[in-house]
All heavy atoms as atom14 arrays in JSON, in Angstrom:
{
  "sequence": "AKGIFKYLKEIGVQVSAEDITARGTSEGWNPEFTKKVVGWADKIA",
  "atom14_mask": [
    [1, 1, 1, 1, 1, 0, 0, 0, 0, 0, 0, 0, 0, 0],
    [1, 1, 1, 1, 1, 1, 1, 1, 1, 0, 0, 0, 0, 0],
    [1, 1, 1, 1, 0, 0, 0, 0, 0, 0, 0, 0, 0, 0],
    [1, 1, 1, 1, 1, 1, 1, 1, 0, 0, 0, 0, 0, 0],
    [1, 1, 1, 1, 1, 1, 1, 1, 1, 1, 1, 0, 0, 0],
    [1, 1, 1, 1, 1, 1, 1, 1, 1, 0, 0, 0, 0, 0],
    [1, 1, 1, 1, 1, 1, 1, 1, 1, 1, 1, 1, 0, 0],
    [1, 1, 1, 1, 1, 1, 1, 1, 0, 0, 0, 0, 0, 0],
    [1, 1, 1, 1, 1, 1, 1, 1, 1, 0, 0, 0, 0, 0],
    [1, 1, 1, 1, 1, 1, 1, 1, 1, 0, 0, 0, 0, 0],
    [1, 1, 1, 1, 1, 1, 1, 1, 0, 0, 0, 0, 0, 0],
    [1, 1, 1, 1, 0, 0, 0, 0, 0, 0, 0, 0, 0, 0],
    [1, 1, 1, 1, 1, 1, 1, 0, 0, 0, 0, 0, 0, 0],
    [1, 1, 1, 1, 1, 1, 1, 1, 1, 0, 0, 0, 0, 0],
    [1, 1, 1, 1, 1, 1, 1, 0, 0, 0, 0, 0, 0, 0],
    [1, 1, 1, 1, 1, 1, 0, 0, 0, 0, 0, 0, 0, 0],
    [1, 1, 1, 1, 1, 0, 0, 0, 0, 0, 0, 0, 0, 0],
    [1, 1, 1, 1, 1, 1, 1, 1, 1, 0, 0, 0, 0, 0],
    [1, 1, 1, 1, 1, 1, 1, 1, 0, 0, 0, 0, 0, 0],
    [1, 1, 1, 1, 1, 1, 1, 1, 0, 0, 0, 0, 0, 0],
    [1, 1, 1, 1, 1, 1, 1, 0, 0, 0, 0, 0, 0, 0],
    [1, 1, 1, 1, 1, 0, 0, 0, 0, 0, 0, 0, 0, 0],
    [1, 1, 1, 1, 1, 1, 1, 1, 1, 1, 1, 0, 0, 0],
    [1, 1, 1, 1, 0, 0, 0, 0, 0, 0, 0, 0, 0, 0],
    [1, 1, 1, 1, 1, 1, 1, 0, 0, 0, 0, 0, 0, 0],
    [1, 1, 1, 1, 1, 1, 0, 0, 0, 0, 0, 0, 0, 0],
    [1, 1, 1, 1, 1, 1, 1, 1, 1, 0, 0, 0, 0, 0],
    [1, 1, 1, 1, 0, 0, 0, 0, 0, 0, 0, 0, 0, 0],
    [1, 1, 1, 1, 1, 1, 1, 1, 1, 1, 1, 1, 1, 1],
    [1, 1, 1, 1, 1, 1, 1, 1, 0, 0, 0, 0, 0, 0],
    [1, 1, 1, 1, 1, 1, 1, 0, 0, 0, 0, 0, 0, 0],
    [1, 1, 1, 1, 1, 1, 1, 1, 1, 0, 0, 0, 0, 0],
    [1, 1, 1, 1, 1, 1, 1, 1, 1, 1, 1, 0, 0, 0],
    [1, 1, 1, 1, 1, 1, 1, 0, 0, 0, 0, 0, 0, 0],
    [1, 1, 1, 1, 1, 1, 1, 1, 1, 0, 0, 0, 0, 0],
    [1, 1, 1, 1, 1, 1, 1, 1, 1, 0, 0, 0, 0, 0],
    [1, 1, 1, 1, 1, 1, 1, 0, 0, 0, 0, 0, 0, 0],
    [1, 1, 1, 1, 1, 1, 1, 0, 0, 0, 0, 0, 0, 0],
    [1, 1, 1, 1, 0, 0, 0, 0, 0, 0, 0, 0, 0, 0],
    [1, 1, 1, 1, 1, 1, 1, 1, 1, 1, 1, 1, 1, 1],
    [1, 1, 1, 1, 1, 0, 0, 0, 0, 0, 0, 0, 0, 0],
    [1, 1, 1, 1, 1, 1, 1, 1, 0, 0, 0, 0, 0, 0],
    [1, 1, 1, 1, 1, 1, 1, 1, 1, 0, 0, 0, 0, 0],
    [1, 1, 1, 1, 1, 1, 1, 1, 0, 0, 0, 0, 0, 0],
    [1, 1, 1, 1, 1, 0, 0, 0, 0, 0, 0, 0, 0, 0]
  ],
  "atom14_positions": [
    [[-81.45, 77.3, 152.24], [-80.02, 77.14, 151.95], [-79.51, 78.16, 150.93], [-78.47, 78.77, 151.13], [-79.77, 75.7, 151.45], [0.0, 0.0, 0.0], [0.0, 0.0, 0.0], [0.0, 0.0, 0.0], [0.0, 0.0, 0.0], [0.0, 0.0, 0.0], [0.0, 0.0, 0.0], [0.0, 0.0, 0.0], [0.0, 0.0, 0.0], [0.0, 0.0, 0.0]],
    [[-80.3, 78.35, 149.88], [-79.93, 79.35, 148.88], [-79.87, 80.74, 149.5], [-78.97, 81.53, 149.19], [-80.87, 79.36, 147.71], [-80.77, 78.11, 146.83], [-81.82, 78.12, 145.72], [-81.73, 76.96, 144.8], [-82.82, 76.98, 143.79], [0.0, 0.0, 0.0], [0.0, 0.0, 0.0], [0.0, 0.0, 0.0], [0.0, 0.0, 0.0], [0.0, 0.0, 0.0]],
    [[-80.83, 81.07, 150.35], [-80.83, 82.35, 151.03], [-79.6, 82.53, 151.9], [-79.03, 83.62, 151.95], [0.0, 0.0, 0.0], [0.0, 0.0, 0.0], [0.0, 0.0, 0.0], [0.0, 0.0, 0.0], [0.0, 0.0, 0.0], [0.0, 0.0, 0.0], [0.0, 0.0, 0.0], [0.0, 0.0, 0.0], [0.0, 0.0, 0.0], [0.0, 0.0, 0.0]],
    [[-79.22, 81.46, 152.61], [-78.01, 81.53, 153.46], [-76.8, 81.84, 152.59], [-76.02, 82.76, 152.9], [-77.83, 80.19, 154.21], [-78.91, 80.06, 155.31], [-76.44, 80.09, 154.79], [-78.96, 78.67, 155.95], [0.0, 0.0, 0.0], [0.0, 0.0, 0.0], [0.0, 0.0, 0.0], [0.0, 0.0, 0.0], [0.0, 0.0, 0.0], [0.0, 0.0, 0.0]],
    [[-76.62, 81.1, 151.51], [-75.42, 81.32, 150.67], [-75.41, 82.71, 150.01], [-74.4, 83.33, 149.91], [-75.29, 80.22, 149.62], [-75.07, 78.86, 150.21], [-75.79, 77.77, 149.77], [-74.13, 78.68, 151.22], [-75.6, 76.48, 150.32], [-73.92, 77.4, 151.78], [-74.64, 76.31, 151.34], [0.0, 0.0, 0.0], [0.0, 0.0, 0.0], [0.0, 0.0, 0.0]],
    [[-76.59, 83.14, 149.6], [-76.69, 84.48, 148.97], [-76.34, 85.54, 150.02], [-75.59, 86.48, 149.69], [-78.11, 84.68, 148.43], [-78.26, 86.01, 147.7], [-79.64, 86.15, 147.1], [-79.73, 87.5, 146.43], [-81.06, 87.93, 146.3], [0.0, 0.0, 0.0], [0.0, 0.0, 0.0], [0.0, 0.0, 0.0], [0.0, 0.0, 0.0], [0.0, 0.0, 0.0]],
    [[-76.85, 85.42, 151.21], [-76.57, 86.4, 152.26], [-75.08, 86.39, 152.61], [-74.47, 87.44, 152.77], [-77.45, 86.12, 153.5], [-77.23, 87.13, 154.56], [-77.67, 88.45, 154.41], [-76.55, 86.82, 155.73], [-77.47, 89.39, 155.41], [-76.3, 87.76, 156.71], [-76.79, 89.06, 156.56], [-76.58, 89.98, 157.52], [0.0, 0.0, 0.0], [0.0, 0.0, 0.0]],
    [[-74.52, 85.21, 152.76], [-73.1, 85.12, 153.09], [-72.25, 85.84, 152.01], [-71.3, 86.55, 152.32], [-72.65, 83.66, 153.21], [-73.13, 82.95, 154.47], [-72.75, 81.49, 154.46], [-72.63, 83.63, 155.75], [0.0, 0.0, 0.0], [0.0, 0.0, 0.0], [0.0, 0.0, 0.0], [0.0, 0.0, 0.0], [0.0, 0.0, 0.0], [0.0, 0.0, 0.0]],
    [[-72.63, 85.64, 150.74], [-71.9, 86.32, 149.68], [-72.04, 87.82, 149.82], [-71.07, 88.56, 149.64], [-72.39, 85.86, 148.3], [-71.63, 86.52, 147.19], [-71.97, 85.98, 145.86], [-71.29, 86.81, 144.8], [-70.45, 86.14, 143.95], [0.0, 0.0, 0.0], [0.0, 0.0, 0.0], [0.0, 0.0, 0.0], [0.0, 0.0, 0.0], [0.0, 0.0, 0.0]],
    [[-73.25, 88.29, 150.15], [-73.49, 89.71, 150.3], [-72.64, 90.35, 151.39], [-72.24, 91.51, 151.31], [-74.98, 89.99, 150.62], [-75.9, 89.78, 149.43], [-77.38, 89.83, 149.85], [-77.71, 90.24, 151.0], [-78.2, 89.49, 148.99], [0.0, 0.0, 0.0], [0.0, 0.0, 0.0], [0.0, 0.0, 0.0], [0.0, 0.0, 0.0], [0.0, 0.0, 0.0]],
    [[-72.36, 89.56, 152.45], [-71.56, 90.09, 153.55], [-70.06, 89.72, 153.41], [-69.28, 89.9, 154.34], [-72.11, 89.69, 154.92], [-72.12, 88.16, 155.12], [-73.5, 90.28, 155.16], [-72.5, 87.68, 156.53], [0.0, 0.0, 0.0], [0.0, 0.0, 0.0], [0.0, 0.0, 0.0], [0.0, 0.0, 0.0], [0.0, 0.0, 0.0], [0.0, 0.0, 0.0]],
    [[-69.71, 89.2, 152.21], [-68.32, 88.95, 151.89], [-67.72, 87.63, 152.41], [-66.52, 87.53, 152.56], [0.0, 0.0, 0.0], [0.0, 0.0, 0.0], [0.0, 0.0, 0.0], [0.0, 0.0, 0.0], [0.0, 0.0, 0.0], [0.0, 0.0, 0.0], [0.0, 0.0, 0.0], [0.0, 0.0, 0.0], [0.0, 0.0, 0.0], [0.0, 0.0, 0.0]],
    [[-68.58, 86.65, 152.65], [-68.11, 85.37, 153.12], [-68.31, 84.33, 152.05], [-69.41, 84.17, 151.53], [-68.9, 84.94, 154.42], [-68.45, 83.55, 154.88], [-68.68, 85.97, 155.49], [0.0, 0.0, 0.0], [0.0, 0.0, 0.0], [0.0, 0.0, 0.0], [0.0, 0.0, 0.0], [0.0, 0.0, 0.0], [0.0, 0.0, 0.0], [0.0, 0.0, 0.0]],
    [[-67.25, 83.61, 151.71], [-67.33, 82.53, 150.68], [-67.33, 81.22, 151.38], [-66.5, 80.93, 152.24], [-66.1, 82.6, 149.75], [-66.19, 83.7, 148.74], [-67.23, 83.43, 147.64], [-68.02, 82.49, 147.71], [-67.24, 84.26, 146.65], [0.0, 0.0, 0.0], [0.0, 0.0, 0.0], [0.0, 0.0, 0.0], [0.0, 0.0, 0.0], [0.0, 0.0, 0.0]],
    [[-68.25, 80.37, 151.0], [-68.35, 79.01, 151.53], [-67.79, 78.07, 150.45], [-68.23, 78.11, 149.32], [-69.81, 78.6, 151.86], [-69.88, 77.21, 152.45], [-70.44, 79.6, 152.81], [0.0, 0.0, 0.0], [0.0, 0.0, 0.0], [0.0, 0.0, 0.0], [0.0, 0.0, 0.0], [0.0, 0.0, 0.0], [0.0, 0.0, 0.0], [0.0, 0.0, 0.0]],
    [[-66.82, 77.27, 150.84], [-66.22, 76.38, 149.83], [-66.94, 75.03, 149.77], [-67.6, 74.61, 150.74], [-64.76, 76.12, 150.21], [-64.66, 75.29, 151.32], [0.0, 0.0, 0.0], [0.0, 0.0, 0.0], [0.0, 0.0, 0.0], [0.0, 0.0, 0.0], [0.0, 0.0, 0.0], [0.0, 0.0, 0.0], [0.0, 0.0, 0.0], [0.0, 0.0, 0.0]],
    [[-66.81, 74.4, 148.63], [-67.36, 73.05, 148.46], [-66.76, 72.09, 149.46], [-67.44, 71.22, 149.99], [-67.11, 72.56, 147.04], [0.0, 0.0, 0.0], [0.0, 0.0, 0.0], [0.0, 0.0, 0.0], [0.0, 0.0, 0.0], [0.0, 0.0, 0.0], [0.0, 0.0, 0.0], [0.0, 0.0, 0.0], [0.0, 0.0, 0.0], [0.0, 0.0, 0.0]],
    [[-65.5, 72.31, 149.77], [-64.81, 71.45, 150.76], [-65.43, 71.56, 152.13], [-65.58, 70.55, 152.84], [-63.3, 71.8, 150.8], [-62.55, 71.46, 149.54], [-62.75, 72.48, 148.41], [-63.11, 73.67, 148.67], [-62.52, 72.08, 147.26], [0.0, 0.0, 0.0], [0.0, 0.0, 0.0], [0.0, 0.0, 0.0], [0.0, 0.0, 0.0], [0.0, 0.0, 0.0]],
    [[-65.77, 72.8, 152.55], [-66.41, 73.0, 153.88], [-67.74, 72.28, 153.93], [-68.05, 71.61, 154.92], [-66.63, 74.49, 154.16], [-65.34, 75.23, 154.46], [-64.35, 74.6, 154.87], [-65.36, 76.47, 154.3], [0.0, 0.0, 0.0], [0.0, 0.0, 0.0], [0.0, 0.0, 0.0], [0.0, 0.0, 0.0], [0.0, 0.0, 0.0], [0.0, 0.0, 0.0]],
    [[-68.54, 72.42, 152.88], [-69.88, 71.81, 152.85], [-69.74, 70.28, 152.83], [-70.41, 69.57, 153.59], [-70.68, 72.31, 151.65], [-70.9, 73.77, 151.73], [-72.0, 71.54, 151.52], [-71.41, 74.43, 150.47], [0.0, 0.0, 0.0], [0.0, 0.0, 0.0], [0.0, 0.0, 0.0], [0.0, 0.0, 0.0], [0.0, 0.0, 0.0], [0.0, 0.0, 0.0]],
    [[-68.84, 69.77, 151.98], [-68.66, 68.34, 151.86], [-68.17, 67.75, 153.16], [-68.63, 66.69, 153.61], [-67.71, 68.0, 150.7], [-68.28, 68.57, 149.49], [-67.56, 66.51, 150.5], [0.0, 0.0, 0.0], [0.0, 0.0, 0.0], [0.0, 0.0, 0.0], [0.0, 0.0, 0.0], [0.0, 0.0, 0.0], [0.0, 0.0, 0.0], [0.0, 0.0, 0.0]],
    [[-67.19, 68.41, 153.79], [-66.68, 67.91, 155.06], [-67.77, 67.85, 156.12], [-67.89, 66.83, 156.84], [-65.53, 68.78, 155.54], [0.0, 0.0, 0.0], [0.0, 0.0, 0.0], [0.0, 0.0, 0.0], [0.0, 0.0, 0.0], [0.0, 0.0, 0.0], [0.0, 0.0, 0.0], [0.0, 0.0, 0.0], [0.0, 0.0, 0.0], [0.0, 0.0, 0.0]],
    [[-68.6, 68.86, 156.22], [-69.68, 68.86, 157.18], [-70.68, 67.78, 156.87], [-71.13, 67.04, 157.73], [-70.4, 70.22, 157.25], [-71.63, 70.28, 158.15], [-71.31, 69.95, 159.61], [-70.69, 71.05, 160.28], [-71.37, 72.0, 160.94], [-72.66, 71.99, 161.02], [-70.68, 73.0, 161.46], [0.0, 0.0, 0.0], [0.0, 0.0, 0.0], [0.0, 0.0, 0.0]],
    [[-71.04, 67.69, 155.6], [-72.0, 66.63, 155.18], [-71.52, 65.25, 155.5], [-72.27, 64.41, 156.0], [0.0, 0.0, 0.0], [0.0, 0.0, 0.0], [0.0, 0.0, 0.0], [0.0, 0.0, 0.0], [0.0, 0.0, 0.0], [0.0, 0.0, 0.0], [0.0, 0.0, 0.0], [0.0, 0.0, 0.0], [0.0, 0.0, 0.0], [0.0, 0.0, 0.0]],
    [[-70.22, 65.0, 155.25], [-69.67, 63.69, 155.57], [-69.64, 63.43, 157.06], [-70.05, 62.35, 157.52], [-68.22, 63.59, 154.97], [-68.29, 63.78, 153.56], [-67.6, 62.24, 155.28], [0.0, 0.0, 0.0], [0.0, 0.0, 0.0], [0.0, 0.0, 0.0], [0.0, 0.0, 0.0], [0.0, 0.0, 0.0], [0.0, 0.0, 0.0], [0.0, 0.0, 0.0]],
    [[-69.22, 64.39, 157.83], [-69.11, 64.19, 159.28], [-70.47, 64.06, 159.95], [-70.62, 63.38, 160.97], [-68.32, 65.34, 159.93], [-69.06, 66.55, 159.95], [0.0, 0.0, 0.0], [0.0, 0.0, 0.0], [0.0, 0.0, 0.0], [0.0, 0.0, 0.0], [0.0, 0.0, 0.0], [0.0, 0.0, 0.0], [0.0, 0.0, 0.0], [0.0, 0.0, 0.0]],
    [[-71.51, 64.7, 159.34], [-72.86, 64.65, 159.94], [-73.71, 63.54, 159.34], [-74.86, 63.37, 159.74], [-73.54, 66.0, 159.77], [-72.88, 67.15, 160.5], [-73.03, 67.1, 161.99], [-73.91, 66.34, 162.52], [-72.31, 67.84, 162.7], [0.0, 0.0, 0.0], [0.0, 0.0, 0.0], [0.0, 0.0, 0.0], [0.0, 0.0, 0.0], [0.0, 0.0, 0.0]],
    [[-73.21, 62.85, 158.31], [-73.97, 61.77, 157.72], [-75.07, 62.22, 156.76], [-76.08, 61.54, 156.61], [0.0, 0.0, 0.0], [0.0, 0.0, 0.0], [0.0, 0.0, 0.0], [0.0, 0.0, 0.0], [0.0, 0.0, 0.0], [0.0, 0.0, 0.0], [0.0, 0.0, 0.0], [0.0, 0.0, 0.0], [0.0, 0.0, 0.0], [0.0, 0.0, 0.0]],
    [[-74.88, 63.34, 156.09], [-75.86, 63.85, 155.14], [-75.97, 62.89, 153.96], [-74.93, 62.25, 153.58], [-75.51, 65.22, 154.6], [-75.5, 66.35, 155.58], [-75.81, 66.3, 156.9], [-75.09, 67.69, 155.31], [-75.64, 67.51, 157.48], [-75.21, 68.4, 156.53], [-74.68, 68.37, 154.18], [-74.94, 69.75, 156.64], [-74.36, 69.69, 154.28], [-74.49, 70.38, 155.51]],
    [[-77.1, 62.79, 153.36], [-77.25, 62.02, 152.13], [-76.3, 62.62, 151.11], [-76.26, 63.84, 150.9], [-78.72, 62.12, 151.66], [-78.96, 61.35, 150.39], [-78.35, 61.62, 149.35], [-79.9, 60.41, 150.46], [0.0, 0.0, 0.0], [0.0, 0.0, 0.0], [0.0, 0.0, 0.0], [0.0, 0.0, 0.0], [0.0, 0.0, 0.0], [0.0, 0.0, 0.0]],
    [[-75.5, 61.79, 150.43], [-74.54, 62.3, 149.45], [-75.2, 63.18, 148.32], [-74.6, 64.14, 147.92], [-73.9, 61.07, 148.85], [-74.07, 60.03, 149.89], [-75.36, 60.31, 150.56], [0.0, 0.0, 0.0], [0.0, 0.0, 0.0], [0.0, 0.0, 0.0], [0.0, 0.0, 0.0], [0.0, 0.0, 0.0], [0.0, 0.0, 0.0], [0.0, 0.0, 0.0]],
    [[-76.39, 62.81, 147.89], [-77.08, 63.62, 146.88], [-77.52, 64.97, 147.45], [-77.49, 65.97, 146.75], [-78.25, 62.84, 146.3], [-77.83, 61.66, 145.43], [-76.94, 62.07, 144.25], [-77.3, 63.03, 143.54], [-75.89, 61.45, 144.07], [0.0, 0.0, 0.0], [0.0, 0.0, 0.0], [0.0, 0.0, 0.0], [0.0, 0.0, 0.0], [0.0, 0.0, 0.0]],
    [[-77.94, 64.97, 148.71], [-78.31, 66.23, 149.37], [-77.08, 67.15, 149.4], [-77.13, 68.3, 149.02], [-78.81, 65.94, 150.81], [-79.11, 67.14, 151.61], [-80.43, 67.64, 151.65], [-78.16, 67.84, 152.32], [-80.74, 68.79, 152.39], [-78.47, 68.97, 153.06], [-79.77, 69.45, 153.1], [0.0, 0.0, 0.0], [0.0, 0.0, 0.0], [0.0, 0.0, 0.0]],
    [[-75.95, 66.56, 149.83], [-74.69, 67.32, 149.88], [-74.33, 67.86, 148.53], [-73.94, 69.06, 148.43], [-73.58, 66.46, 150.46], [-73.94, 65.92, 151.74], [-72.29, 67.25, 150.64], [0.0, 0.0, 0.0], [0.0, 0.0, 0.0], [0.0, 0.0, 0.0], [0.0, 0.0, 0.0], [0.0, 0.0, 0.0], [0.0, 0.0, 0.0], [0.0, 0.0, 0.0]],
    [[-74.45, 67.08, 147.51], [-74.11, 67.5, 146.15], [-74.97, 68.68, 145.72], [-74.48, 69.62, 145.12], [-74.27, 66.34, 145.18], [-73.71, 66.61, 143.8], [-73.97, 65.52, 142.79], [-73.37, 64.19, 143.21], [-73.55, 63.13, 142.18], [0.0, 0.0, 0.0], [0.0, 0.0, 0.0], [0.0, 0.0, 0.0], [0.0, 0.0, 0.0], [0.0, 0.0, 0.0]],
    [[-76.26, 68.61, 146.04], [-77.15, 69.72, 145.67], [-76.79, 71.0, 146.42], [-76.73, 72.1, 145.82], [-78.61, 69.34, 145.97], [-79.15, 68.37, 145.0], [-80.66, 68.37, 145.05], [-81.26, 67.38, 144.09], [-81.03, 67.66, 142.69], [0.0, 0.0, 0.0], [0.0, 0.0, 0.0], [0.0, 0.0, 0.0], [0.0, 0.0, 0.0], [0.0, 0.0, 0.0]],
    [[-76.45, 70.89, 147.69], [-76.12, 72.08, 148.5], [-74.82, 72.66, 147.97], [-74.69, 73.9, 147.79], [-76.0, 71.69, 150.0], [-75.45, 72.85, 150.79], [-77.36, 71.29, 150.55], [0.0, 0.0, 0.0], [0.0, 0.0, 0.0], [0.0, 0.0, 0.0], [0.0, 0.0, 0.0], [0.0, 0.0, 0.0], [0.0, 0.0, 0.0], [0.0, 0.0, 0.0]],
    [[-73.85, 71.83, 147.64], [-72.6, 72.33, 147.06], [-72.9, 73.03, 145.74], [-72.31, 74.1, 145.46], [-71.59, 71.15, 146.85], [-70.45, 71.59, 145.96], [-71.04, 70.68, 148.19], [0.0, 0.0, 0.0], [0.0, 0.0, 0.0], [0.0, 0.0, 0.0], [0.0, 0.0, 0.0], [0.0, 0.0, 0.0], [0.0, 0.0, 0.0], [0.0, 0.0, 0.0]],
    [[-73.76, 72.49, 144.94], [-74.09, 73.08, 143.63], [-74.7, 74.48, 143.78], [-74.35, 75.39, 143.05], [0.0, 0.0, 0.0], [0.0, 0.0, 0.0], [0.0, 0.0, 0.0], [0.0, 0.0, 0.0], [0.0, 0.0, 0.0], [0.0, 0.0, 0.0], [0.0, 0.0, 0.0], [0.0, 0.0, 0.0], [0.0, 0.0, 0.0], [0.0, 0.0, 0.0]],
    [[-75.58, 74.62, 144.77], [-76.18, 75.94, 144.99], [-75.14, 76.94, 145.44], [-75.12, 78.07, 144.99], [-77.31, 75.86, 146.03], [-78.45, 74.99, 145.64], [-78.94, 74.76, 144.39], [-79.25, 74.2, 146.53], [-79.99, 73.88, 144.46], [-80.19, 73.52, 145.73], [-79.25, 74.0, 147.9], [-81.16, 72.66, 146.29], [-80.2, 73.16, 148.45], [-81.14, 72.5, 147.63]],
    [[-74.28, 76.52, 146.36], [-73.25, 77.41, 146.87], [-72.31, 77.83, 145.75], [-71.93, 79.01, 145.63], [-72.45, 76.72, 148.0], [0.0, 0.0, 0.0], [0.0, 0.0, 0.0], [0.0, 0.0, 0.0], [0.0, 0.0, 0.0], [0.0, 0.0, 0.0], [0.0, 0.0, 0.0], [0.0, 0.0, 0.0], [0.0, 0.0, 0.0], [0.0, 0.0, 0.0]],
    [[-71.94, 76.85, 144.9], [-71.06, 77.19, 143.75], [-71.7, 78.16, 142.76], [-71.07, 79.09, 142.28], [-70.65, 75.92, 143.02], [-69.62, 75.11, 143.81], [-69.04, 75.61, 144.79], [-69.41, 73.92, 143.43], [0.0, 0.0, 0.0], [0.0, 0.0, 0.0], [0.0, 0.0, 0.0], [0.0, 0.0, 0.0], [0.0, 0.0, 0.0], [0.0, 0.0, 0.0]],
    [[-73.0, 77.94, 142.47], [-73.69, 78.83, 141.54], [-73.73, 80.25, 142.09], [-73.51, 81.22, 141.37], [-75.12, 78.33, 141.3], [-75.23, 77.29, 140.27], [-76.73, 77.01, 140.0], [-76.84, 76.26, 138.68], [-78.27, 76.07, 138.34], [0.0, 0.0, 0.0], [0.0, 0.0, 0.0], [0.0, 0.0, 0.0], [0.0, 0.0, 0.0], [0.0, 0.0, 0.0]],
    [[-74.07, 80.39, 143.36], [-74.17, 81.72, 143.99], [-72.79, 82.36, 144.01], [-72.63, 83.54, 143.69], [-74.82, 81.62, 145.34], [-76.3, 81.29, 145.17], [-74.65, 82.92, 146.16], [-77.04, 80.89, 146.42], [0.0, 0.0, 0.0], [0.0, 0.0, 0.0], [0.0, 0.0, 0.0], [0.0, 0.0, 0.0], [0.0, 0.0, 0.0], [0.0, 0.0, 0.0]],
    [[-71.77, 81.61, 144.32], [-70.39, 82.14, 144.39], [-69.93, 82.64, 143.01], [-69.21, 83.63, 142.92], [-69.43, 81.09, 144.92], [0.0, 0.0, 0.0], [0.0, 0.0, 0.0], [0.0, 0.0, 0.0], [0.0, 0.0, 0.0], [0.0, 0.0, 0.0], [0.0, 0.0, 0.0], [0.0, 0.0, 0.0], [0.0, 0.0, 0.0], [0.0, 0.0, 0.0]]
  ]
}
């Protein structure tokens, strides 16, 4: 996940917390899992 977010940043793509949270909610991700993923994306951004 961290590699994905870092690579996206390198190619000029920003992933928002809203995008991650919306996907996590729609797919039934564990809320703590989603929170961690959002945190990594935010740190990298």
